[in-house]
Every structure is written in C-alpha cells, then in structure tokens.
Amino acid sequence: MSETAPAATPPHLRPALLRFLGGVRTVTGSKFLIESDHARILVDCGLFQGFADLRRRNWEKLACPASDIHAVVVTHAHLDHCGYLPRLVRHGFRGPILTTAHTARLAEIVLRDSAKLQMEAARHANEHGWSKHRPAAPLYDDNDVDQTIKFFDPVQIGTEVEIMAGTKLRLHHGGHILGSAWVHLTLEDGHTLAASGDLGRPGHPLLLPPEPFSGADLLLMESTYGDRRHDHDSARREFASAITRTLSRGGTVVIPAFAIDRTEVVLHELAVLRRDGVLPGNVPVYVDSPMALAALDVYRDALRSRSPELRPDILAQGEQAISPEPFLAARTVQESIDISSTDGPAVIVSSAGMATGGRVLHHLSRVLPDPRNAVVIVGFAAAGTRARDLVDGARTLKMFGEYVPVRAEVADVPHFSAHADANQILGWLRGAPAPHATYLVHGEEAAAGALRERIDRELGWTAVVPKSGEAVLVR
C-alpha cells in the first residue's frame, strides 16, 4: 500500500492542535476542535444524550470561548452532531456554519424541535417540581435557534472553499442521511485532516454510497458499529416477521424512529411490504412526529429535484418510494391523541428514535402493557436510553415520572442502521494512503477498540481510541 509523506510544517507556523471535546468513547456529543496559529475550527457541534452524566456535559464550558471559534463544519443534521449549535451561539459564536444545503435545511428542523422539547421539559419540571434546579431552564430556546440559522453558510459538495486565509474545506458525499458529508480540511501549514462524520452504508435503500476516502494526514473515523456486521437481508425478514406476528394477534406496532432519514427508510420498507401484500391494505400507517413530517418534505423535494445523492431506482419510483398508502400524518397534538384512541391493528412510526423524548413516549406508555402489541427498535440504541433498556430486556420503563410494565413484544432490528458496519468501514479505508494517525471516535469503547484492532491488523495503520478532552498534534 502506498503511503504519502506528511507535509512539513513551515518554520514560522506551529503545528495545529486537535482537541476531542465530545463523541469520544460514546456515540453522542461529537465535537472536534482544530486550533492553529490563525484559525479555530469546530468539526461538528453535537448534543450529548443518554446517561445523566453525559447530558450534564451539555452545560459545561467548552475548551475555549465560543466567540473565539472562527467557523463550525457540520457533517450532517442529526442532533448528536449539530444539536449544540444554538448553545454555542448563545455564548457568543458568530462565525459561519459550513455544511451542505440539505443539512442546513434539515438542521433547522432538528434544532427547532430540540428547543421546543427542552422548553417543554423545563416548563413541566417547574410545574411539577421534579427537577433539582430552581427554576429549571432549557439549554437553549427558540430565539437561540432563530439566531443560529442566520449563520448557516451552505457549501456545495466537491467544491473547495477557503474558511480562513490558507485554511480550505472540501465536503464529500457521506451517504448516511440526505445532505451528509465527510470532511477534508487543508490547514495553513499544508497538513490535512479528514473527518468521516457518520459514514453511510453502501446498501442504503435511498442514498448512493459514500464517496471513497482519498487520504489525509490525520483521520477522525466514526466507530459506531466497529464491532459488528450488518445483515440487511435478515433484518428485512425480521422486520416483516415482527409486523406480521403483531398484526395477526390484533396488536399495534410502534416503531421509534429518528425523524431524519430513519423515518424515510422505515416508510420505504413499509411501502415495499404494502406492495408485496405483507402489510394489509386496511392496516393504517401513522407517522406521528411533526419533525419527521417536516424532514419527509425535504426528502420529497430531493426526489422532485432529482438530487444526485439519491439512488437511480429511487428516483425512478418518485415519491411512492417513501409513501406506504394509506399513510396518515399526525401533525397536531389532537391528531396524535386521536391515534392513541384508535383500536385494532396499526403501525405507528414516531420519534425520538432512542425513545429519549417526544410523542413516541405516549405511544409506548399505551402499548407496552399489552402483550398483543410490539415495539420494533430499528437502529442503534445508545446506553442510557429507553430504547437500549427495551433491547436489554427491561421489564418496566420509566416515563412521565412513573414505571410502565413491559409486556409487549420487543423486536431488535439494529441492521436497519444508516451507519456503515466494521467491514464497510474497512472497505472505505482500503486503497487510500495511510494517515499519520487514525482516531476512532463516535463509538462506544468496545466498538472503537475492536475497530482499532482491525485497522491495525488488516491495514497496518496507526489507530488510536482517544480520551475525552485529549489534545494531539495535526502532523
């Protein structure tokens, strides 16, 4: 395998420093700060989720004042990669937020929903006295989001832009969700840094595969599924089987799904099952998430405009690819309540995907006590979330201050994930020149460690699982 020599640092410039501020030994809170003599650039600006000790980190000060950061590069619109942006703006950030146009549009939807949920949680805590904070306050609010979206500065895929004098950015298709990208930065001293963001899998049912890795002096590589292999054919069979079993006993299927991309993938699969006669025509499919419905509109626009990110077969199907008619949208609170009052077989797709909040909690509290029903977990469930508790066999689940018995069937179908698995990550890396160092991020410790060993053994690259708060040279 060929290996490029690292660029020499000009004598008048010190090497840049990379700080791991989040997304280290966990799949949440991704933040990576690059500090050089002339620029401070944050790659991703995600919110911590899951365990309480992780969520508390959202309230901690960053390693440098927000006003000292010159630009933020966002790989995609999931909350764990963009959800801290309004907090950063609240504390004085005023630079450009560089990302693709689709990510900018989806991120606004995600951030507005996040602010709404936080404001509602704070209000509920103050009314019912369950928070230790007096008064409870949201991490950020609607006004912070209004200010944040003013700083979005869309960048076209494949076009090199200069962030600061001598510091250049190029985004490449990431294949994870609509608008997702992997990042290539050229610093003013000539050294290069790449960040995978969340790398998509080649078999994504809607999107084209990620563009190949072309090399960099230093690589930030996600490792969410670094110790696992996806079996998509098996996953589709398990998904169909869980739905068939539940409907045959007159039950309701609840699918907690991320509002961005996972809802579209689930709807695509349900549309296939509808066409194949597996999902009867008289069984309604509900999408109960204003955020998911807003994101669905973005995907529909991408289909209409024939986005180059979408697979040719999906473009040929048009909007029917993500429309399992009869498909009923619940946008208002009353429409959501009406779903809960319906009897008989039904499929409900609702967010949040890890059941950390949102309307899905109301549906779970209703369906979990009844063994006729089922909950289908269709993606990665991080430690400390209700989705992980269900996957791990919890017999009760705490919601709204009380415990709900879990008697419904729980089907774990993680291979619906939009992340590349370990083999696909290795495939993406093969053929590229070896970086000076590869840092495994955005993965739980076991997954990151397993991927580190494979990269070391199969590619012969230097791979490291960094520590939170650690700083390393870019060279």
Protein backbone atom coordinates (compact mmCIF):
# COMPACT_ATOMS: atom_id res chain seq x y z
CA MET A 1 0.00 0.00 0.00
CA SER A 2 1.40 3.41 -0.92
CA GLU A 3 1.98 5.93 1.81
CA THR A 4 2.31 9.68 1.36
CA ALA A 5 4.92 11.55 3.34
CA PRO A 6 3.40 14.02 5.82
CA ALA A 7 3.69 17.65 4.87
CA ALA A 8 6.47 19.62 6.51
CA THR A 9 5.38 22.44 8.79
CA PRO A 10 6.76 25.83 7.67
CA PRO A 11 9.19 27.15 10.30
CA HIS A 12 7.05 30.19 11.12
CA LEU A 13 3.94 28.09 11.92
CA ARG A 14 3.33 25.81 14.86
CA PRO A 15 1.53 22.50 14.22
CA ALA A 16 -2.24 22.67 14.66
CA LEU A 17 -3.78 21.07 17.73
CA LEU A 18 -6.83 18.78 17.67
CA ARG A 19 -8.95 18.58 20.83
CA PHE A 20 -11.52 15.85 21.43
CA LEU A 21 -14.42 17.66 23.12
CA GLY A 22 -17.13 15.03 22.57
CA GLY A 23 -18.01 11.91 20.66
CA VAL A 24 -15.16 10.02 22.33
CA ARG A 25 -15.87 6.51 23.70
CA THR A 26 -19.54 7.35 23.25
CA VAL A 27 -21.87 7.80 20.27
CA THR A 28 -23.05 11.24 21.23
CA GLY A 29 -21.92 14.86 21.58
CA SER A 30 -19.47 14.91 18.66
CA LYS A 31 -17.19 17.98 18.83
CA PHE A 32 -13.64 18.22 17.50
CA LEU A 33 -11.72 21.49 17.77
CA ILE A 34 -8.80 22.27 15.45
CA GLU A 35 -6.64 25.14 16.69
CA SER A 36 -3.87 26.61 14.55
CA ASP A 37 -1.97 29.88 14.69
CA HIS A 38 -4.66 31.60 12.63
CA ALA A 39 -7.89 29.63 12.97
CA ARG A 40 -10.08 27.74 15.41
CA ILE A 41 -12.48 25.42 13.61
CA LEU A 42 -15.01 23.12 15.25
CA VAL A 43 -15.92 19.98 13.30
CA ASP A 44 -19.42 19.00 14.40
CA CYS A 45 -21.22 20.55 17.35
CA GLY A 46 -23.37 17.80 18.78
CA LEU A 47 -25.55 17.42 21.85
CA PHE A 48 -24.80 14.78 24.48
CA GLN A 49 -27.65 12.33 25.06
CA GLY A 50 -28.18 9.19 27.11
CA PHE A 51 -26.88 8.81 30.67
CA ALA A 52 -27.35 11.75 33.04
CA ASP A 53 -23.61 12.26 33.42
CA LEU A 54 -23.35 12.65 29.64
CA ARG A 55 -26.30 15.05 29.46
CA ARG A 56 -24.72 17.18 32.18
CA ARG A 57 -21.76 17.76 29.89
CA ASN A 58 -24.02 19.92 27.70
CA TRP A 59 -23.89 22.50 30.50
CA GLU A 60 -20.10 22.55 30.85
CA LYS A 61 -17.88 25.26 29.37
CA LEU A 62 -16.03 24.45 26.17
CA ALA A 63 -12.25 24.31 25.99
CA CYS A 64 -12.22 27.84 24.54
CA PRO A 65 -14.72 30.70 24.48
CA ALA A 66 -17.41 30.27 21.82
CA SER A 67 -16.58 33.73 20.48
CA ASP A 68 -13.01 32.56 19.72
CA ILE A 69 -14.21 29.85 17.29
CA HIS A 70 -13.99 31.14 13.73
CA ALA A 71 -16.15 28.54 11.97
CA VAL A 72 -18.07 25.31 12.52
CA VAL A 73 -18.21 22.50 9.97
CA VAL A 74 -21.24 20.23 10.36
CA THR A 75 -21.19 16.78 8.75
CA HIS A 76 -24.94 16.15 8.97
CA ALA A 77 -28.19 17.10 10.68
CA HIS A 78 -28.54 14.53 13.47
CA LEU A 79 -28.81 16.02 16.96
CA ASP A 80 -25.62 14.36 18.21
CA HIS A 81 -23.70 16.25 15.51
CA CYS A 82 -25.49 19.62 15.31
CA GLY A 83 -27.66 19.92 18.45
CA TYR A 84 -25.25 22.09 20.48
CA LEU A 85 -25.11 24.88 17.86
CA PRO A 86 -27.73 27.17 19.50
CA ARG A 87 -25.91 26.88 22.82
CA LEU A 88 -22.68 27.87 21.06
CA VAL A 89 -24.41 30.89 19.51
CA ARG A 90 -25.95 31.81 22.87
CA HIS A 91 -22.41 32.00 24.27
CA GLY A 92 -21.06 34.25 21.54
CA PHE A 93 -20.21 32.26 18.40
CA ARG A 94 -20.67 34.47 15.34
CA GLY A 95 -18.83 32.67 12.53
CA PRO A 96 -20.11 30.70 9.53
CA ILE A 97 -21.67 27.25 9.97
CA LEU A 98 -20.41 25.41 6.90
CA THR A 99 -22.41 22.43 5.68
CA THR A 100 -24.42 21.22 2.68
CA ALA A 101 -27.67 22.89 1.69
CA HIS A 102 -29.74 19.83 2.63
CA THR A 103 -28.05 19.63 6.02
CA ALA A 104 -28.74 23.31 6.67
CA ARG A 105 -32.43 22.79 5.93
CA LEU A 106 -32.72 19.59 7.98
CA ALA A 107 -30.68 21.00 10.87
CA GLU A 108 -33.10 23.90 11.25
CA ILE A 109 -35.93 21.36 11.67
CA VAL A 110 -33.91 19.37 14.22
CA LEU A 111 -32.85 22.41 16.24
CA ARG A 112 -36.34 23.90 16.40
CA ASP A 113 -37.69 20.60 17.66
CA SER A 114 -34.86 20.30 20.19
CA ALA A 115 -35.53 23.78 21.56
CA LYS A 116 -39.25 23.03 21.79
CA LEU A 117 -38.67 19.79 23.72
CA GLN A 118 -36.23 21.45 26.11
CA MET A 119 -38.57 24.35 26.77
CA GLU A 120 -41.47 21.94 27.37
CA ALA A 121 -39.36 19.80 29.72
CA ALA A 122 -38.27 22.83 31.72
CA ARG A 123 -41.86 24.09 31.97
CA HIS A 124 -43.11 20.65 33.05
CA ALA A 125 -40.32 20.36 35.63
CA ASN A 126 -41.17 23.75 37.10
CA GLU A 127 -44.89 22.98 37.22
CA HIS A 128 -44.43 19.57 38.86
CA GLY A 129 -41.27 20.17 40.85
CA TRP A 130 -39.28 17.13 39.67
CA SER A 131 -36.07 19.00 38.75
CA LYS A 132 -33.37 19.76 41.31
CA HIS A 133 -32.86 23.11 39.58
CA ARG A 134 -34.98 26.05 40.78
CA PRO A 135 -36.12 27.12 38.31
CA ALA A 136 -35.35 24.56 35.61
CA ALA A 137 -34.18 26.18 32.36
CA PRO A 138 -33.70 24.89 28.81
CA LEU A 139 -30.22 24.59 27.36
CA TYR A 140 -31.41 26.96 24.63
CA ASP A 141 -34.70 28.31 23.32
CA ASP A 142 -36.45 29.37 20.11
CA ASN A 143 -34.64 32.70 19.98
CA ASP A 144 -31.27 30.95 20.09
CA VAL A 145 -32.32 28.80 17.14
CA ASP A 146 -33.52 31.90 15.24
CA GLN A 147 -30.06 33.41 15.68
CA THR A 148 -28.26 30.17 14.80
CA ILE A 149 -29.85 29.61 11.40
CA LYS A 150 -28.60 33.03 10.28
CA PHE A 151 -25.05 31.66 10.37
CA PHE A 152 -25.65 28.64 8.11
CA ASP A 153 -23.45 29.00 5.01
CA PRO A 154 -24.15 26.15 2.54
CA VAL A 155 -21.19 24.60 0.73
CA GLN A 156 -21.54 22.60 -2.48
CA ILE A 157 -20.27 19.02 -2.41
CA GLY A 158 -16.89 18.73 -4.14
CA THR A 159 -16.18 22.47 -4.19
CA GLU A 160 -13.17 23.73 -2.24
CA VAL A 161 -13.85 26.83 -0.14
CA GLU A 162 -11.44 28.92 1.90
CA ILE A 163 -12.57 29.27 5.53
CA MET A 164 -9.69 31.49 6.63
CA ALA A 165 -6.54 32.55 4.80
CA GLY A 166 -4.80 29.28 3.89
CA THR A 167 -7.39 27.00 5.54
CA LYS A 168 -9.55 25.21 2.99
CA LEU A 169 -12.56 22.90 3.18
CA ARG A 170 -13.94 20.32 0.79
CA LEU A 171 -17.07 18.24 1.52
CA HIS A 172 -17.68 14.79 0.02
CA HIS A 173 -20.90 12.73 -0.12
CA GLY A 174 -21.25 10.78 3.13
CA GLY A 175 -24.19 8.51 2.23
CA HIS A 176 -25.53 8.46 5.82
CA ILE A 177 -28.56 10.73 5.54
CA LEU A 178 -29.64 13.31 2.99
CA GLY A 179 -27.02 16.07 2.97
CA SER A 180 -24.45 14.15 4.99
CA ALA A 181 -20.79 14.65 4.13
CA TRP A 182 -17.33 13.62 5.14
CA VAL A 183 -14.89 16.47 5.63
CA HIS A 184 -11.44 17.22 4.21
CA LEU A 185 -9.59 20.20 5.68
CA THR A 186 -6.31 21.64 4.43
CA LEU A 187 -4.68 23.76 7.13
CA GLU A 188 -2.46 26.78 6.53
CA ASP A 189 0.69 24.77 7.25
CA GLY A 190 -0.22 22.29 4.49
CA HIS A 191 -1.29 19.43 6.75
CA THR A 192 -4.65 17.80 6.11
CA LEU A 193 -7.38 16.41 8.35
CA ALA A 194 -10.37 14.30 7.35
CA ALA A 195 -13.46 13.52 9.43
CA SER A 196 -15.85 10.78 8.38
CA GLY A 197 -18.86 12.17 10.24
CA ASP A 198 -21.31 9.27 10.31
CA LEU A 199 -20.35 7.11 7.37
CA GLY A 200 -23.22 5.68 5.35
CA ARG A 201 -23.51 2.05 4.33
CA PRO A 202 -23.21 1.07 0.66
CA GLY A 203 -26.62 -0.66 0.79
CA HIS A 204 -28.63 2.34 1.99
CA PRO A 205 -32.09 1.87 0.39
CA LEU A 206 -32.40 5.53 -0.64
CA LEU A 207 -28.92 7.06 -0.93
CA LEU A 208 -25.88 6.43 -3.05
CA PRO A 209 -22.78 5.07 -1.23
CA PRO A 210 -20.28 7.48 0.34
CA GLU A 211 -17.51 8.85 -1.85
CA PRO A 212 -14.27 6.92 -1.28
CA PHE A 213 -11.74 8.12 1.27
CA SER A 214 -8.88 9.82 -0.59
CA GLY A 215 -6.41 10.21 2.26
CA ALA A 216 -5.30 12.80 4.83
CA ASP A 217 -2.50 13.26 7.37
CA LEU A 218 -4.97 12.67 10.20
CA LEU A 219 -8.35 10.92 10.12
CA LEU A 220 -11.28 11.06 12.54
CA MET A 221 -13.17 7.82 11.90
CA GLU A 222 -16.57 7.01 13.38
CA SER A 223 -16.83 3.58 15.02
CA THR A 224 -20.50 3.18 15.97
CA TYR A 225 -20.65 -0.34 14.53
CA GLY A 226 -16.92 -1.03 14.74
CA ASP A 227 -17.51 -4.44 16.31
CA ARG A 228 -20.48 -5.57 14.26
CA ARG A 229 -21.61 -6.70 10.83
CA HIS A 230 -24.96 -5.74 9.32
CA ASP A 231 -27.11 -8.44 7.79
CA HIS A 232 -29.64 -6.43 5.84
CA ASP A 233 -31.49 -9.35 4.25
CA SER A 234 -32.02 -10.90 7.68
CA ALA A 235 -33.06 -7.51 9.07
CA ARG A 236 -35.75 -7.08 6.43
CA ARG A 237 -37.10 -10.55 7.18
CA GLU A 238 -37.10 -9.88 10.95
CA PHE A 239 -38.84 -6.54 10.42
CA ALA A 240 -41.56 -8.08 8.25
CA SER A 241 -41.97 -11.02 10.63
CA ALA A 242 -42.41 -8.79 13.70
CA ILE A 243 -45.10 -6.77 11.93
CA THR A 244 -46.90 -9.88 10.66
CA ARG A 245 -46.92 -11.53 14.10
CA THR A 246 -48.25 -8.41 15.81
CA LEU A 247 -50.99 -7.68 13.29
CA SER A 248 -52.12 -11.32 13.33
CA ARG A 249 -52.87 -11.06 17.06
CA GLY A 250 -54.69 -7.75 16.59
CA GLY A 251 -51.92 -5.64 18.05
CA THR A 252 -50.31 -2.30 17.33
CA VAL A 253 -46.70 -1.92 16.20
CA VAL A 254 -44.80 1.13 17.50
CA ILE A 255 -41.54 1.95 15.73
CA PRO A 256 -39.40 4.60 17.47
CA ALA A 257 -37.51 6.11 14.54
CA PHE A 258 -35.14 9.02 14.14
CA ALA A 259 -37.03 11.80 12.43
CA ILE A 260 -34.24 12.35 9.91
CA ASP A 261 -33.66 9.52 7.41
CA ARG A 262 -34.70 6.58 9.61
CA THR A 263 -38.37 7.51 9.22
CA GLU A 264 -37.89 7.67 5.44
CA VAL A 265 -36.11 4.28 5.41
CA VAL A 266 -38.87 2.70 7.55
CA LEU A 267 -41.57 4.18 5.31
CA HIS A 268 -39.74 2.85 2.25
CA GLU A 269 -39.67 -0.63 3.77
CA LEU A 270 -43.35 -0.41 4.74
CA ALA A 271 -44.17 0.70 1.20
CA VAL A 272 -42.40 -2.42 -0.12
CA LEU A 273 -44.33 -4.62 2.33
CA ARG A 274 -47.57 -2.95 1.27
CA ARG A 275 -46.86 -3.63 -2.42
CA ASP A 276 -45.92 -7.24 -1.63
CA GLY A 277 -49.15 -7.79 0.32
CA VAL A 278 -47.35 -8.44 3.62
CA LEU A 279 -48.82 -5.28 5.13
CA PRO A 280 -52.58 -5.46 4.50
CA GLY A 281 -54.17 -2.51 2.76
CA ASN A 282 -56.66 -1.94 5.59
CA VAL A 283 -53.94 -1.50 8.25
CA PRO A 284 -53.12 2.20 8.64
CA VAL A 285 -49.57 3.51 8.94
CA TYR A 286 -49.30 6.63 11.10
CA VAL A 287 -46.35 9.00 11.18
CA ASP A 288 -46.64 10.89 14.44
CA SER A 289 -43.84 13.42 14.54
CA PRO A 290 -44.01 16.97 13.25
CA MET A 291 -40.23 16.92 12.85
CA ALA A 292 -40.27 13.68 10.88
CA LEU A 293 -43.02 15.02 8.63
CA ALA A 294 -41.06 18.23 8.01
CA ALA A 295 -37.97 16.15 7.16
CA LEU A 296 -40.11 13.98 4.88
CA ASP A 297 -40.95 17.12 2.91
CA VAL A 298 -37.21 17.75 2.41
CA TYR A 299 -36.73 14.21 1.09
CA ARG A 300 -39.73 14.64 -1.22
CA ASP A 301 -38.22 17.86 -2.56
CA ALA A 302 -34.95 15.99 -3.14
CA LEU A 303 -36.88 13.38 -5.13
CA ARG A 304 -38.64 16.04 -7.19
CA SER A 305 -35.37 17.84 -7.93
CA ARG A 306 -33.63 14.53 -8.69
CA SER A 307 -30.88 15.05 -6.13
CA PRO A 308 -27.57 13.40 -7.13
CA GLU A 309 -27.42 11.88 -3.63
CA LEU A 310 -30.37 9.55 -4.33
CA ARG A 311 -30.17 6.12 -5.93
CA PRO A 312 -31.38 5.93 -9.56
CA ASP A 313 -34.01 3.28 -8.73
CA ILE A 314 -35.45 5.54 -6.01
CA LEU A 315 -35.55 8.49 -8.40
CA ALA A 316 -37.44 6.26 -10.85
CA GLN A 317 -40.06 5.44 -8.19
CA GLY A 318 -40.52 9.07 -7.19
CA GLU A 319 -42.46 9.93 -4.05
CA GLN A 320 -44.08 6.47 -3.94
CA ALA A 321 -40.73 5.16 -2.67
CA ILE A 322 -41.48 6.66 0.74
CA SER A 323 -45.31 6.57 0.78
CA PRO A 324 -46.90 3.35 2.10
CA GLU A 325 -50.51 4.38 1.41
CA PRO A 326 -52.76 4.58 3.33
CA PHE A 327 -50.29 6.72 5.21
CA LEU A 328 -51.70 9.13 7.77
CA ALA A 329 -49.78 12.12 9.10
CA ALA A 330 -50.28 13.37 12.64
CA ARG A 331 -49.07 16.95 12.77
CA THR A 332 -51.14 18.36 15.65
CA VAL A 333 -51.37 17.28 19.27
CA GLN A 334 -55.04 16.38 18.77
CA GLU A 335 -54.17 14.15 15.79
CA SER A 336 -51.60 12.40 17.97
CA ILE A 337 -54.19 11.88 20.71
CA ASP A 338 -56.63 10.52 18.13
CA ILE A 339 -54.08 7.83 17.17
CA SER A 340 -53.86 6.73 20.78
CA SER A 341 -57.62 6.29 20.95
CA THR A 342 -57.84 4.03 17.89
CA ASP A 343 -58.33 0.27 18.33
CA GLY A 344 -57.28 -2.54 16.07
CA PRO A 345 -54.12 -3.32 14.13
CA ALA A 346 -51.96 -0.34 13.17
CA VAL A 347 -48.34 0.70 12.62
CA ILE A 348 -47.15 3.89 14.35
CA VAL A 349 -43.81 5.46 13.37
CA SER A 350 -42.82 8.15 15.83
CA SER A 351 -39.71 9.89 17.17
CA ALA A 352 -37.42 10.03 19.06
CA GLY A 353 -35.53 7.04 17.73
CA MET A 354 -33.96 6.11 21.07
CA ALA A 355 -37.19 6.93 22.96
CA THR A 356 -35.46 9.72 24.86
CA GLY A 357 -38.44 12.05 24.44
CA GLY A 358 -41.11 13.19 22.02
CA ARG A 359 -44.50 11.79 21.10
CA VAL A 360 -43.31 8.19 20.93
CA LEU A 361 -43.30 8.09 24.74
CA HIS A 362 -47.08 8.50 24.84
CA HIS A 363 -47.49 5.61 22.40
CA LEU A 364 -45.06 3.43 24.34
CA SER A 365 -46.84 4.07 27.61
CA ARG A 366 -50.07 2.87 25.96
CA VAL A 367 -48.82 -0.19 24.06
CA LEU A 368 -46.15 -1.64 26.36
CA PRO A 369 -48.53 -3.18 28.96
CA ASP A 370 -50.43 -5.22 26.33
CA PRO A 371 -48.79 -8.46 25.06
CA ARG A 372 -50.66 -8.22 21.75
CA ASN A 373 -48.54 -5.20 20.81
CA ALA A 374 -44.92 -4.85 19.70
CA VAL A 375 -42.15 -2.27 19.76
CA VAL A 376 -39.62 -2.56 16.93
CA ILE A 377 -36.22 -0.94 17.52
CA VAL A 378 -34.76 -0.24 14.09
CA GLY A 379 -31.35 1.27 14.78
CA PHE A 380 -28.56 1.85 17.22
CA ALA A 381 -29.75 2.22 20.82
CA ALA A 382 -27.19 4.08 22.92
CA ALA A 383 -26.51 3.11 26.51
CA GLY A 384 -28.69 5.01 28.96
CA THR A 385 -31.66 5.39 26.60
CA ARG A 386 -35.10 3.79 26.90
CA ALA A 387 -34.57 2.05 23.56
CA ARG A 388 -31.46 0.32 24.95
CA ASP A 389 -33.36 -0.61 28.11
CA LEU A 390 -36.02 -2.30 25.97
CA VAL A 391 -33.42 -4.11 23.86
CA ASP A 392 -31.70 -5.28 27.05
CA GLY A 393 -34.93 -6.84 28.32
CA ALA A 394 -36.24 -4.27 30.82
CA ARG A 395 -39.48 -5.41 32.44
CA THR A 396 -40.51 -1.84 33.33
CA LEU A 397 -39.78 1.51 31.71
CA LYS A 398 -39.90 4.86 33.47
CA MET A 399 -41.85 7.57 31.66
CA PHE A 400 -43.58 10.70 32.90
CA GLY A 401 -42.46 10.05 36.47
CA GLU A 402 -43.83 6.51 36.78
CA TYR A 403 -42.96 2.96 35.76
CA VAL A 404 -44.83 1.23 32.94
CA PRO A 405 -44.78 -2.60 32.68
CA VAL A 406 -43.23 -4.05 29.54
CA ARG A 407 -45.42 -6.93 28.36
CA ALA A 408 -45.42 -6.16 24.65
CA GLU A 409 -43.03 -7.95 22.30
CA VAL A 410 -39.74 -6.08 21.74
CA ALA A 411 -38.06 -6.77 18.39
CA ASP A 412 -34.48 -5.57 17.95
CA VAL A 413 -33.65 -4.92 14.28
CA PRO A 414 -30.42 -2.86 14.52
CA HIS A 415 -29.30 -3.71 11.00
CA PHE A 416 -31.63 -1.04 9.62
CA SER A 417 -28.96 1.40 10.72
CA ALA A 418 -27.74 4.04 8.26
CA HIS A 419 -24.18 3.58 9.62
CA ALA A 420 -21.51 1.54 7.89
CA ASP A 421 -20.57 -1.63 9.75
CA ALA A 422 -16.99 -2.71 10.52
CA ASN A 423 -16.41 -4.45 7.17
CA GLN A 424 -17.84 -1.49 5.26
CA ILE A 425 -15.63 0.95 7.18
CA LEU A 426 -12.55 -1.15 6.33
CA GLY A 427 -13.68 -1.22 2.72
CA TRP A 428 -13.97 2.56 2.70
CA LEU A 429 -10.45 2.95 4.06
CA ARG A 430 -8.72 0.39 1.82
CA GLY A 431 -6.87 1.80 -1.15
CA ALA A 432 -6.25 5.19 0.46
CA PRO A 433 -2.77 6.25 1.61
CA ALA A 434 -2.24 5.62 5.31
CA PRO A 435 -2.84 8.64 7.55
CA HIS A 436 -0.18 9.58 10.08
CA ALA A 437 -2.81 8.63 12.68
CA THR A 438 -6.42 7.44 12.66
CA TYR A 439 -8.53 8.34 15.70
CA LEU A 440 -11.60 6.19 16.37
CA VAL A 441 -14.43 8.41 17.58
CA HIS A 442 -18.23 8.37 17.87
CA GLY A 443 -18.40 4.81 19.16
CA GLU A 444 -18.77 3.09 22.49
CA GLU A 445 -15.50 1.88 23.92
CA ALA A 446 -15.81 -1.80 22.92
CA ALA A 447 -16.78 -0.93 19.33
CA ALA A 448 -13.99 1.63 18.93
CA GLY A 449 -11.45 -0.77 20.41
CA ALA A 450 -12.49 -3.60 18.10
CA LEU A 451 -12.22 -1.35 15.04
CA ARG A 452 -8.80 -0.10 16.21
CA GLU A 453 -7.52 -3.67 16.32
CA ARG A 454 -8.83 -4.46 12.84
CA ILE A 455 -7.34 -1.32 11.31
CA ASP A 456 -4.02 -2.13 12.93
CA ARG A 457 -4.10 -5.79 11.90
CA GLU A 458 -5.57 -5.54 8.39
CA LEU A 459 -4.30 -2.18 7.17
CA GLY A 460 -1.18 -1.71 9.28
CA TRP A 461 -2.24 1.83 10.15
CA THR A 462 -1.66 3.61 13.45
CA ALA A 463 -5.09 3.74 15.06
CA VAL A 464 -5.97 5.18 18.47
CA VAL A 465 -9.08 5.42 20.65
CA PRO A 466 -8.60 8.89 22.19
CA LYS A 467 -9.68 10.09 25.59
CA SER A 468 -12.22 12.81 26.26
CA GLY A 469 -10.53 16.21 26.46
CA GLU A 470 -7.27 14.90 24.99
CA ALA A 471 -5.28 17.07 22.58
CA VAL A 472 -2.99 15.83 19.77
CA LEU A 473 -0.88 17.48 17.06
CA VAL A 474 -2.03 17.51 13.44
CA ARG A 475 1.08 16.43 11.57
